[in-house]
Amino acid sequence: MSGESAEFLFVVRLHEDGAPWVALQPKHKGLPTLKGEIGLDLYRGTSLEEAKQLVRFLNSNIKALSYSNCKRESSSD
């Protein structure tokens, strides 16, 4: 399996309408295969404070983002 892995910092950004979303900001080089910005769209009604709490959780619990061009078998947990 070939793939890449990189560390990201999760940050809150705001859409033009003021709705929060989460952007993944590369800590170093990022993933060369992926061009542009990676983000997480949150459900409508998510408050800025809820988005900040989510970002704190993600930054404390996610080590890296991985990308692979091969299919992985899913576990049956």
C-alpha atoms as a PDB file:
ATOM      1  CA  MET A   1       0.000   0.000   0.000  1.00  0.00           C
ATOM      2  CA  SER A   2       1.419   3.374  -0.921  1.00  0.00           C
ATOM      3  CA  GLY A   3       0.304   6.441   0.913  1.00  0.00           C
ATOM      4  CA  GLU A   4       1.183   9.591   2.767  1.00  0.00           C
ATOM      5  CA  SER A   5       0.700  10.925   6.261  1.00  0.00           C
ATOM      6  CA  ALA A   6       1.043  14.435   7.675  1.00  0.00           C
ATOM      7  CA  GLU A   7       0.288  16.314  10.863  1.00  0.00           C
ATOM      8  CA  PHE A   8      -2.350  19.028  10.773  1.00  0.00           C
ATOM      9  CA  LEU A   9      -3.661  21.631  13.166  1.00  0.00           C
ATOM     10  CA  PHE A  10      -7.449  21.941  13.291  1.00  0.00           C
ATOM     11  CA  VAL A  11      -8.623  25.572  13.303  1.00  0.00           C
ATOM     12  CA  VAL A  12     -12.036  27.263  13.280  1.00  0.00           C
ATOM     13  CA  ARG A  13     -12.808  29.448  10.295  1.00  0.00           C
ATOM     14  CA  LEU A  14     -16.001  31.289   9.365  1.00  0.00           C
ATOM     15  CA  HIS A  15     -17.974  31.124   6.142  1.00  0.00           C
ATOM     16  CA  GLU A  16     -19.116  34.429   4.626  1.00  0.00           C
ATOM     17  CA  ASP A  17     -22.473  33.996   6.387  1.00  0.00           C
ATOM     18  CA  GLY A  18     -20.692  33.653   9.764  1.00  0.00           C
ATOM     19  CA  ALA A  19     -21.208  29.887  10.097  1.00  0.00           C
ATOM     20  CA  PRO A  20     -18.155  28.132  11.548  1.00  0.00           C
ATOM     21  CA  TRP A  21     -16.259  25.365   9.806  1.00  0.00           C
ATOM     22  CA  VAL A  22     -13.054  23.475  10.639  1.00  0.00           C
ATOM     23  CA  ALA A  23      -9.961  23.844   8.462  1.00  0.00           C
ATOM     24  CA  LEU A  24      -6.984  21.507   8.550  1.00  0.00           C
ATOM     25  CA  GLN A  25      -3.840  23.600   8.523  1.00  0.00           C
ATOM     26  CA  PRO A  26      -0.615  21.660   7.759  1.00  0.00           C
ATOM     27  CA  LYS A  27       1.952  21.778  10.568  1.00  0.00           C
ATOM     28  CA  HIS A  28       4.772  21.189   8.082  1.00  0.00           C
ATOM     29  CA  LYS A  29       4.483  20.278   4.391  1.00  0.00           C
ATOM     30  CA  GLY A  30       1.031  18.695   4.437  1.00  0.00           C
ATOM     31  CA  LEU A  31       0.133  16.005   1.913  1.00  0.00           C
ATOM     32  CA  PRO A  32       1.656  16.789  -1.493  1.00  0.00           C
ATOM     33  CA  THR A  33      -0.950  14.641  -3.260  1.00  0.00           C
ATOM     34  CA  LEU A  34      -3.820  16.741  -1.940  1.00  0.00           C
ATOM     35  CA  LYS A  35      -3.976  20.221  -3.410  1.00  0.00           C
ATOM     36  CA  GLY A  36      -5.946  23.031  -1.829  1.00  0.00           C
ATOM     37  CA  GLU A  37      -7.489  23.261   1.610  1.00  0.00           C
ATOM     38  CA  ILE A  38      -9.107  20.436   3.549  1.00  0.00           C
ATOM     39  CA  GLY A  39     -12.086  21.334   5.715  1.00  0.00           C
ATOM     40  CA  LEU A  40     -14.945  19.926   7.720  1.00  0.00           C
ATOM     41  CA  ASP A  41     -18.395  21.407   7.171  1.00  0.00           C
ATOM     42  CA  LEU A  42     -20.391  21.466  10.384  1.00  0.00           C
ATOM     43  CA  TYR A  43     -24.133  21.054  10.733  1.00  0.00           C
ATOM     44  CA  ARG A  44     -26.239  24.199  10.451  1.00  0.00           C
ATOM     45  CA  GLY A  45     -26.770  25.696  13.874  1.00  0.00           C
ATOM     46  CA  THR A  46     -23.363  24.709  15.240  1.00  0.00           C
ATOM     47  CA  SER A  47     -22.247  27.606  17.413  1.00  0.00           C
ATOM     48  CA  LEU A  48     -18.804  29.165  17.372  1.00  0.00           C
ATOM     49  CA  GLU A  49     -18.202  27.842  20.896  1.00  0.00           C
ATOM     50  CA  GLU A  50     -19.197  24.300  19.846  1.00  0.00           C
ATOM     51  CA  ALA A  51     -16.806  24.538  16.880  1.00  0.00           C
ATOM     52  CA  LYS A  52     -14.000  25.660  19.212  1.00  0.00           C
ATOM     53  CA  GLN A  53     -14.722  22.735  21.559  1.00  0.00           C
ATOM     54  CA  LEU A  54     -14.593  20.347  18.596  1.00  0.00           C
ATOM     55  CA  VAL A  55     -11.263  21.804  17.455  1.00  0.00           C
ATOM     56  CA  ARG A  56      -9.801  21.397  20.962  1.00  0.00           C
ATOM     57  CA  PHE A  57     -10.948  17.766  20.987  1.00  0.00           C
ATOM     58  CA  LEU A  58      -9.566  17.035  17.508  1.00  0.00           C
ATOM     59  CA  ASN A  59      -6.196  18.673  18.227  1.00  0.00           C
ATOM     60  CA  SER A  60      -5.905  16.618  21.433  1.00  0.00           C
ATOM     61  CA  ASN A  61      -6.899  13.287  19.858  1.00  0.00           C
ATOM     62  CA  ILE A  62      -5.887  13.224  16.189  1.00  0.00           C
ATOM     63  CA  LYS A  63      -2.186  12.679  15.510  1.00  0.00           C
ATOM     64  CA  ALA A  64      -2.114  12.802  11.710  1.00  0.00           C
ATOM     65  CA  LEU A  65      -4.161  12.605   8.539  1.00  0.00           C
ATOM     66  CA  SER A  66      -3.339   9.740   6.195  1.00  0.00           C
ATOM     67  CA  TYR A  67      -4.050   9.305   2.524  1.00  0.00           C
ATOM     68  CA  SER A  68      -3.795   6.073   0.569  1.00  0.00           C
ATOM     69  CA  ASN A  69      -4.582   5.311  -3.037  1.00  0.00           C
ATOM     70  CA  CYS A  70      -5.400   1.703  -2.133  1.00  0.00           C
ATOM     71  CA  LYS A  71      -8.666   0.395  -0.735  1.00  0.00           C
ATOM     72  CA  ARG A  72      -8.546  -0.726   2.861  1.00  0.00           C
ATOM     73  CA  GLU A  73     -10.711  -3.479   4.226  1.00  0.00           C
ATOM     74  CA  SER A  74     -13.091  -2.125   6.836  1.00  0.00           C
ATOM     75  CA  SER A  75     -13.190  -3.744  10.245  1.00  0.00           C
ATOM     76  CA  SER A  76     -16.400  -5.198  11.577  1.00  0.00           C
ATOM     77  CA  ASP A  77     -16.198  -3.542  15.020  1.00  0.00           C
END
